[in-house]
């Protein structure tokens, strides 16, 4: 998800504001420490201009490594 943030020129704080969540929670999601709910994942995906499955695919790939 970090790559998508960079592509969109967004910081974690920017993303947090756009999807109405606390920056510390957003940081945990971006760094793979927490998983977003499906509803939040949809908002994040829409904000980043990606498919919701891209958000979950990234998380699954991190767990596989």
PDB file of N, CA and C in Angstrom:
ATOM      1  N   UNK A   1       0.823  -1.186   0.000  1.00  0.00           N
ATOM      2  CA  UNK A   1       0.000   0.000   0.000  1.00  0.00           C
ATOM      3  C   UNK A   1       0.874   1.259   0.000  1.00  0.00           C
ATOM      4  N   UNK A   2       2.101   1.131   0.481  1.00  0.00           N
ATOM      5  CA  UNK A   2       2.993   2.294   0.493  1.00  0.00           C
ATOM      6  C   UNK A   2       3.231   2.822  -0.919  1.00  0.00           C
ATOM      7  N   UNK A   3       3.345   1.905  -1.865  1.00  0.00           N
ATOM      8  CA  UNK A   3       3.573   2.304  -3.254  1.00  0.00           C
ATOM      9  C   UNK A   3       2.394   3.123  -3.770  1.00  0.00           C
ATOM     10  N   UNK A   4       1.179   2.679  -3.442  1.00  0.00           N
ATOM     11  CA  UNK A   4      -0.007   3.409  -3.882  1.00  0.00           C
ATOM     12  C   UNK A   4      -0.060   4.802  -3.261  1.00  0.00           C
ATOM     13  N   UNK A   5       0.353   4.911  -2.005  1.00  0.00           N
ATOM     14  CA  UNK A   5       0.395   6.230  -1.365  1.00  0.00           C
ATOM     15  C   UNK A   5       1.351   7.148  -2.117  1.00  0.00           C
ATOM     16  N   UNK A   6       2.535   6.631  -2.419  1.00  0.00           N
ATOM     17  CA  UNK A   6       3.530   7.429  -3.134  1.00  0.00           C
ATOM     18  C   UNK A   6       3.040   7.827  -4.521  1.00  0.00           C
ATOM     19  N   UNK A   7       2.415   6.877  -5.230  1.00  0.00           N
ATOM     20  CA  UNK A   7       1.903   7.171  -6.573  1.00  0.00           C
ATOM     21  C   UNK A   7       0.879   8.300  -6.543  1.00  0.00           C
ATOM     22  N   UNK A   8       0.114   8.355  -5.457  1.00  0.00           N
ATOM     23  CA  UNK A   8      -0.921   9.378  -5.323  1.00  0.00           C
ATOM     24  C   UNK A   8      -0.421  10.631  -4.618  1.00  0.00           C
ATOM     25  N   UNK A   9       0.855  10.641  -4.237  1.00  0.00           N
ATOM     26  CA  UNK A   9       1.419  11.798  -3.556  1.00  0.00           C
ATOM     27  C   UNK A   9       0.808  12.039  -2.191  1.00  0.00           C
ATOM     28  N   UNK A  10       0.413  10.953  -1.528  1.00  0.00           N
ATOM     29  CA  UNK A  10      -0.239  11.065  -0.226  1.00  0.00           C
ATOM     30  C   UNK A  10       0.665  10.582   0.895  1.00  0.00           C
ATOM     31  N   UNK A  11       0.540  11.220   2.030  1.00  0.00           N
ATOM     32  CA  UNK A  11       1.191  10.736   3.242  1.00  0.00           C
ATOM     33  C   UNK A  11       0.168   9.913   4.018  1.00  0.00           C
ATOM     34  N   UNK A  12       0.610   9.263   5.060  1.00  0.00           N
ATOM     35  CA  UNK A  12      -0.309   8.513   5.918  1.00  0.00           C
ATOM     36  C   UNK A  12      -1.329   9.459   6.538  1.00  0.00           C
ATOM     37  N   UNK A  13      -0.896  10.644   6.910  1.00  0.00           N
ATOM     38  CA  UNK A  13      -1.821  11.632   7.486  1.00  0.00           C
ATOM     39  C   UNK A  13      -2.868  12.044   6.448  1.00  0.00           C
ATOM     40  N   UNK A  14      -2.438  12.257   5.204  1.00  0.00           N
ATOM     41  CA  UNK A  14      -3.381  12.606   4.132  1.00  0.00           C
ATOM     42  C   UNK A  14      -4.422  11.507   3.950  1.00  0.00           C
ATOM     43  N   UNK A  15      -3.955  10.263   3.880  1.00  0.00           N
ATOM     44  CA  UNK A  15      -4.868   9.130   3.726  1.00  0.00           C
ATOM     45  C   UNK A  15      -5.845   9.077   4.891  1.00  0.00           C
ATOM     46  N   UNK A  16      -5.331   9.266   6.087  1.00  0.00           N
ATOM     47  CA  UNK A  16      -6.170   9.229   7.291  1.00  0.00           C
ATOM     48  C   UNK A  16      -7.294  10.250   7.214  1.00  0.00           C
ATOM     49  N   UNK A  17      -6.955  11.449   6.790  1.00  0.00           N
ATOM     50  CA  UNK A  17      -7.971  12.502   6.667  1.00  0.00           C
ATOM     51  C   UNK A  17      -9.007  12.153   5.610  1.00  0.00           C
ATOM     52  N   UNK A  18      -8.552  11.616   4.493  1.00  0.00           N
ATOM     53  CA  UNK A  18      -9.463  11.307   3.393  1.00  0.00           C
ATOM     54  C   UNK A  18     -10.433  10.179   3.730  1.00  0.00           C
ATOM     55  N   UNK A  19     -10.002   9.223   4.561  1.00  0.00           N
ATOM     56  CA  UNK A  19     -10.883   8.092   4.899  1.00  0.00           C
ATOM     57  C   UNK A  19     -11.413   8.179   6.324  1.00  0.00           C
ATOM     58  N   UNK A  20     -11.129   9.290   6.993  1.00  0.00           N
ATOM     59  CA  UNK A  20     -11.661   9.584   8.339  1.00  0.00           C
ATOM     60  C   UNK A  20     -11.278   8.547   9.394  1.00  0.00           C
ATOM     61  N   UNK A  21      -9.974   8.268   9.472  1.00  0.00           N
ATOM     62  CA  UNK A  21      -9.477   7.401  10.541  1.00  0.00           C
ATOM     63  C   UNK A  21      -8.275   8.070  11.196  1.00  0.00           C
ATOM     64  N   UNK A  22      -7.923   7.586  12.372  1.00  0.00           N
ATOM     65  CA  UNK A  22      -6.786   8.115  13.116  1.00  0.00           C
ATOM     66  C   UNK A  22      -5.485   7.793  12.373  1.00  0.00           C
ATOM     67  N   UNK A  23      -4.557   8.729  12.302  1.00  0.00           N
ATOM     68  CA  UNK A  23      -3.290   8.466  11.614  1.00  0.00           C
ATOM     69  C   UNK A  23      -2.520   7.262  12.162  1.00  0.00           C
ATOM     70  N   UNK A  24      -2.591   7.017  13.460  1.00  0.00           N
ATOM     71  CA  UNK A  24      -1.865   5.863  14.006  1.00  0.00           C
ATOM     72  C   UNK A  24      -2.471   4.554  13.505  1.00  0.00           C
ATOM     73  N   UNK A  25      -3.798   4.520  13.361  1.00  0.00           N
ATOM     74  CA  UNK A  25      -4.465   3.329  12.825  1.00  0.00           C
ATOM     75  C   UNK A  25      -4.111   3.159  11.347  1.00  0.00           C
ATOM     76  N   UNK A  26      -4.114   4.252  10.622  1.00  0.00           N
ATOM     77  CA  UNK A  26      -3.739   4.226   9.211  1.00  0.00           C
ATOM     78  C   UNK A  26      -2.304   3.718   9.056  1.00  0.00           C
ATOM     79  N   UNK A  27      -1.416   4.172   9.908  1.00  0.00           N
ATOM     80  CA  UNK A  27      -0.025   3.732   9.889  1.00  0.00           C
ATOM     81  C   UNK A  27       0.069   2.222  10.108  1.00  0.00           C
ATOM     82  N   UNK A  28      -0.708   1.702  11.038  1.00  0.00           N
ATOM     83  CA  UNK A  28      -0.703   0.258  11.307  1.00  0.00           C
ATOM     84  C   UNK A  28      -1.193  -0.528  10.096  1.00  0.00           C
ATOM     85  N   UNK A  29      -2.200  -0.019   9.414  1.00  0.00           N
ATOM     86  CA  UNK A  29      -2.716  -0.690   8.217  1.00  0.00           C
ATOM     87  C   UNK A  29      -1.660  -0.672   7.115  1.00  0.00           C
ATOM     88  N   UNK A  30      -1.088   0.490   6.860  1.00  0.00           N
ATOM     89  CA  UNK A  30      -0.086   0.633   5.800  1.00  0.00           C
ATOM     90  C   UNK A  30       1.121  -0.265   6.060  1.00  0.00           C
ATOM     91  N   UNK A  31       1.506  -0.414   7.325  1.00  0.00           N
ATOM     92  CA  UNK A  31       2.673  -1.222   7.673  1.00  0.00           C
ATOM     93  C   UNK A  31       2.348  -2.680   7.957  1.00  0.00           C
ATOM     94  N   UNK A  32       1.103  -3.096   7.676  1.00  0.00           N
ATOM     95  CA  UNK A  32       0.735  -4.502   7.795  1.00  0.00           C
ATOM     96  C   UNK A  32       0.525  -5.009   9.203  1.00  0.00           C
ATOM     97  N   UNK A  33       0.407  -4.106  10.166  1.00  0.00           N
ATOM     98  CA  UNK A  33       0.200  -4.517  11.559  1.00  0.00           C
ATOM     99  C   UNK A  33      -1.279  -4.776  11.856  1.00  0.00           C
ATOM    100  N   UNK A  34      -2.165  -4.136  11.084  1.00  0.00           N
ATOM    101  CA  UNK A  34      -3.619  -4.304  11.239  1.00  0.00           C
ATOM    102  C   UNK A  34      -4.224  -4.468   9.856  1.00  0.00           C
ATOM    103  N   UNK A  35      -5.345  -5.157   9.808  1.00  0.00           N
ATOM    104  CA  UNK A  35      -6.083  -5.301   8.556  1.00  0.00           C
ATOM    105  C   UNK A  35      -7.322  -4.425   8.610  1.00  0.00           C
ATOM    106  N   UNK A  36      -7.613  -3.728   7.535  1.00  0.00           N
ATOM    107  CA  UNK A  36      -8.815  -2.894   7.522  1.00  0.00           C
ATOM    108  C   UNK A  36     -10.064  -3.754   7.383  1.00  0.00           C
ATOM    109  N   UNK A  37     -11.165  -3.241   7.889  1.00  0.00           N
ATOM    110  CA  UNK A  37     -12.450  -3.903   7.663  1.00  0.00           C
ATOM    111  C   UNK A  37     -12.751  -3.811   6.168  1.00  0.00           C
ATOM    112  N   UNK A  38     -13.637  -4.656   5.667  1.00  0.00           N
ATOM    113  CA  UNK A  38     -13.987  -4.551   4.241  1.00  0.00           C
ATOM    114  C   UNK A  38     -14.491  -3.159   3.855  1.00  0.00           C
ATOM    115  N   UNK A  39     -15.273  -2.538   4.725  1.00  0.00           N
ATOM    116  CA  UNK A  39     -15.806  -1.200   4.439  1.00  0.00           C
ATOM    117  C   UNK A  39     -14.667  -0.176   4.348  1.00  0.00           C
ATOM    118  N   UNK A  40     -13.730  -0.245   5.292  1.00  0.00           N
ATOM    119  CA  UNK A  40     -12.597   0.677   5.278  1.00  0.00           C
ATOM    120  C   UNK A  40     -11.678   0.381   4.096  1.00  0.00           C
ATOM    121  N   UNK A  41     -11.472  -0.895   3.799  1.00  0.00           N
ATOM    122  CA  UNK A  41     -10.635  -1.259   2.655  1.00  0.00           C
ATOM    123  C   UNK A  41     -11.210  -0.669   1.373  1.00  0.00           C
ATOM    124  N   UNK A  42     -12.538  -0.665   1.259  1.00  0.00           N
ATOM    125  CA  UNK A  42     -13.191  -0.080   0.080  1.00  0.00           C
ATOM    126  C   UNK A  42     -12.914   1.416   0.005  1.00  0.00           C
ATOM    127  N   UNK A  43     -13.017   2.111   1.137  1.00  0.00           N
ATOM    128  CA  UNK A  43     -12.752   3.561   1.153  1.00  0.00           C
ATOM    129  C   UNK A  43     -11.293   3.849   0.800  1.00  0.00           C
ATOM    130  N   UNK A  44     -10.388   3.038   1.348  1.00  0.00           N
ATOM    131  CA  UNK A  44      -8.961   3.219   1.050  1.00  0.00           C
ATOM    132  C   UNK A  44      -8.709   2.978  -0.437  1.00  0.00           C
ATOM    133  N   UNK A  45      -9.267   1.894  -0.965  1.00  0.00           N
ATOM    134  CA  UNK A  45      -9.077   1.563  -2.380  1.00  0.00           C
ATOM    135  C   UNK A  45      -9.596   2.682  -3.277  1.00  0.00           C
ATOM    136  N   UNK A  46     -10.770   3.202  -2.960  1.00  0.00           N
ATOM    137  CA  UNK A  46     -11.333   4.298  -3.758  1.00  0.00           C
ATOM    138  C   UNK A  46     -10.441   5.535  -3.688  1.00  0.00           C
ATOM    139  N   UNK A  47      -9.920   5.822  -2.514  1.00  0.00           N
ATOM    140  CA  UNK A  47      -9.041   6.982  -2.332  1.00  0.00           C
ATOM    141  C   UNK A  47      -7.747   6.831  -3.127  1.00  0.00           C
ATOM    142  N   UNK A  48      -7.216   5.601  -3.153  1.00  0.00           N
ATOM    143  CA  UNK A  48      -5.949   5.352  -3.838  1.00  0.00           C
ATOM    144  C   UNK A  48      -6.126   5.033  -5.321  1.00  0.00           C
ATOM    145  N   UNK A  49      -7.375   4.865  -5.751  1.00  0.00           N
ATOM    146  CA  UNK A  49      -7.626   4.557  -7.154  1.00  0.00           C
ATOM    147  C   UNK A  49      -7.239   3.148  -7.549  1.00  0.00           C
ATOM    148  N   UNK A  50      -7.385   2.206  -6.609  1.00  0.00           N
ATOM    149  CA  UNK A  50      -7.088   0.800  -6.881  1.00  0.00           C
ATOM    150  C   UNK A  50      -8.328  -0.034  -6.572  1.00  0.00           C
ATOM    151  N   UNK A  51      -8.280  -1.294  -6.967  1.00  0.00           N
ATOM    152  CA  UNK A  51      -9.370  -2.213  -6.653  1.00  0.00           C
ATOM    153  C   UNK A  51      -9.245  -2.658  -5.199  1.00  0.00           C
ATOM    154  N   UNK A  52     -10.380  -2.959  -4.580  1.00  0.00           N
ATOM    155  CA  UNK A  52     -10.360  -3.406  -3.185  1.00  0.00           C
ATOM    156  C   UNK A  52      -9.528  -4.678  -3.040  1.00  0.00           C
ATOM    157  N   UNK A  53      -9.546  -5.530  -4.060  1.00  0.00           N
ATOM    158  CA  UNK A  53      -8.757  -6.763  -3.996  1.00  0.00           C
ATOM    159  C   UNK A  53      -7.263  -6.470  -3.965  1.00  0.00           C
ATOM    160  N   UNK A  54      -6.845  -5.334  -4.498  1.00  0.00           N
ATOM    161  CA  UNK A  54      -5.429  -4.962  -4.436  1.00  0.00           C
ATOM    162  C   UNK A  54      -4.990  -4.738  -2.994  1.00  0.00           C
ATOM    163  N   UNK A  55      -5.868  -4.180  -2.175  1.00  0.00           N
ATOM    164  CA  UNK A  55      -5.546  -3.936  -0.769  1.00  0.00           C
ATOM    165  C   UNK A  55      -5.340  -5.264  -0.056  1.00  0.00           C
ATOM    166  N   UNK A  56      -6.267  -6.197  -0.268  1.00  0.00           N
ATOM    167  CA  UNK A  56      -6.160  -7.494   0.393  1.00  0.00           C
ATOM    168  C   UNK A  56      -5.047  -8.339  -0.195  1.00  0.00           C
ATOM    169  N   UNK A  57      -4.807  -8.252  -1.496  1.00  0.00           N
ATOM    170  CA  UNK A  57      -3.730  -9.013  -2.124  1.00  0.00           C
ATOM    171  C   UNK A  57      -2.386  -8.610  -1.543  1.00  0.00           C
ATOM    172  N   UNK A  58      -2.196  -7.333  -1.332  1.00  0.00           N
ATOM    173  CA  UNK A  58      -0.951  -6.845  -0.743  1.00  0.00           C
ATOM    174  C   UNK A  58      -0.747  -7.466   0.631  1.00  0.00           C
ATOM    175  N   UNK A  59      -1.807  -7.498   1.439  1.00  0.00           N
ATOM    176  CA  UNK A  59      -1.701  -8.053   2.783  1.00  0.00           C
ATOM    177  C   UNK A  59      -1.414  -9.548   2.741  1.00  0.00           C
ATOM    178  N   UNK A  60      -2.056 -10.281   1.831  1.00  0.00           N
ATOM    179  CA  UNK A  60      -1.842 -11.721   1.722  1.00  0.00           C
ATOM    180  C   UNK A  60      -0.410 -11.995   1.307  1.00  0.00           C
ATOM    181  N   UNK A  61       0.112 -11.231   0.358  1.00  0.00           N
ATOM    182  CA  UNK A  61       1.481 -11.428  -0.091  1.00  0.00           C
ATOM    183  C   UNK A  61       2.480 -11.166   1.022  1.00  0.00           C
ATOM    184  N   UNK A  62       2.232 -10.198   1.870  1.00  0.00           N
ATOM    185  CA  UNK A  62       3.126  -9.921   2.993  1.00  0.00           C
ATOM    186  C   UNK A  62       3.153 -11.105   3.950  1.00  0.00           C
ATOM    187  N   UNK A  63       1.982 -11.701   4.215  1.00  0.00           N
ATOM    188  CA  UNK A  63       1.896 -12.825   5.137  1.00  0.00           C
ATOM    189  C   UNK A  63       2.578 -14.055   4.567  1.00  0.00           C
ATOM    190  N   UNK A  64       2.566 -14.223   3.250  1.00  0.00           N
ATOM    191  CA  UNK A  64       3.166 -15.393   2.617  1.00  0.00           C
ATOM    192  C   UNK A  64       4.687 -15.359   2.707  1.00  0.00           C
ATOM    193  N   UNK A  65       5.264 -14.174   2.777  1.00  0.00           N
ATOM    194  CA  UNK A  65       6.726 -14.046   2.828  1.00  0.00           C
ATOM    195  C   UNK A  65       7.151 -14.204   4.214  1.00  0.00           C
TER     196      UNK A  65
END
